[in-house]
Protein backbone atom coordinates (compact mmCIF):
# COMPACT_ATOMS: atom_id res chain seq x y z
CA MET A 1 28.75 -16.23 5.53
CA SER A 2 30.30 -13.03 6.86
CA ALA A 3 28.46 -10.73 9.22
CA LYS A 4 28.19 -8.07 6.51
CA ASN A 5 26.59 -10.50 4.02
CA LYS A 6 24.24 -11.79 6.74
CA LYS A 7 23.11 -8.25 7.54
CA LYS A 8 22.68 -7.47 3.84
CA SER A 9 20.72 -10.69 3.39
CA ARG A 10 18.35 -9.78 6.25
CA LEU A 11 17.85 -6.31 4.82
CA TYR A 12 17.18 -7.78 1.37
CA LYS A 13 14.60 -10.24 2.78
CA PHE A 14 12.96 -7.45 4.78
CA LEU A 15 12.67 -5.24 1.68
CA LEU A 16 11.22 -8.14 -0.32
CA TYR A 17 8.61 -8.64 2.39
CA MET A 18 7.75 -4.93 2.67
CA THR A 19 7.33 -4.53 -1.09
CA ASN A 20 5.49 -7.88 -1.36
CA ASN A 21 7.90 -9.16 -3.98
CA GLU A 22 8.37 -12.60 -2.47
CA LEU A 23 7.40 -15.65 -4.49
CA THR A 24 4.66 -16.46 -1.97
CA THR A 25 3.13 -13.50 -0.18
CA ARG A 26 3.00 -13.38 3.60
CA HIS A 27 0.66 -10.39 3.64
CA GLU A 28 -2.62 -11.28 5.24
CA ILE A 29 -5.99 -10.63 3.59
CA GLN A 30 -7.24 -9.01 6.81
CA PHE A 31 -4.63 -6.28 6.45
CA ASP A 32 -5.76 -5.66 2.87
CA ILE A 33 -9.36 -5.32 4.01
CA PHE A 34 -8.37 -3.01 6.87
CA PHE A 35 -6.30 -0.79 4.59
CA PHE A 36 -9.10 -0.73 2.01
CA VAL A 37 -11.51 0.58 4.63
CA VAL A 38 -8.98 3.10 5.95
CA GLY A 39 -8.07 4.19 2.41
CA THR A 40 -11.72 4.67 1.46
CA ILE A 41 -12.42 6.69 4.60
CA THR A 42 -9.34 8.78 3.85
CA LEU A 43 -10.54 9.37 0.28
CA VAL A 44 -13.98 10.54 1.43
CA ALA A 45 -12.51 12.75 4.18
CA GLY A 46 -9.93 14.16 1.76
CA LEU A 47 -12.59 14.93 -0.83
CA TRP A 48 -14.74 16.62 1.80
CA TYR A 49 -11.79 18.68 3.05
CA LEU A 50 -10.64 19.75 -0.42
CA ILE A 51 -14.16 20.71 -1.47
CA SER A 52 -14.75 22.65 1.76
CA LYS A 53 -11.49 24.57 1.21
CA ARG A 54 -12.27 25.07 -2.49
CA GLU A 55 -8.99 23.38 -3.50
CA PHE A 56 -10.53 21.56 -6.45
CA GLU A 57 -7.25 21.25 -8.36
CA TRP A 58 -5.97 18.66 -5.82
CA ILE A 59 -8.90 16.27 -6.20
CA PRO A 60 -7.46 14.45 -9.27
CA PHE A 61 -4.24 13.75 -7.36
CA LEU A 62 -6.20 12.35 -4.42
CA ILE A 63 -8.23 10.11 -6.76
CA LEU A 64 -5.06 8.89 -8.52
CA GLU A 65 -3.42 8.05 -5.18
CA TYR A 66 -6.52 6.10 -4.15
CA PHE A 67 -6.55 4.06 -7.37
CA TRP A 68 -2.81 3.42 -7.02
CA PHE A 69 -3.49 2.15 -3.52
CA LEU A 70 -6.29 -0.14 -4.79
CA ASP A 71 -4.03 -1.51 -7.52
CA ASN A 72 -1.32 -2.33 -4.97
CA ALA A 73 -3.84 -4.04 -2.68
CA ARG A 74 -5.20 -6.06 -5.61
CA ASN A 75 -1.69 -7.16 -6.58
CA ASN A 76 -1.05 -8.26 -3.00
CA ARG A 77 -4.12 -10.50 -3.05
CA GLU A 78 -3.31 -12.11 -6.40
CA TYR A 79 -0.38 -14.02 -4.92
CA VAL A 80 -2.14 -15.43 -1.86
CA LYS A 81 -2.40 -19.22 -2.10
């Protein structure tokens, strides 16, 4: 295999890992729990900040981002064996 193909192959494997699109996930449950806690704290702090600044129109976007995050975390856990 040429050096260029080897480098491309490593990049491809890295991107598969980062996006959790491998056949068997290598993402650990502990990371999912940690990011759930951090994401929830961020949601509460973001809601508090937006309400205190009276920027109510941004709250739906914050909520949607949070649910998107939860959906991604749930998908990561489905593949753990």
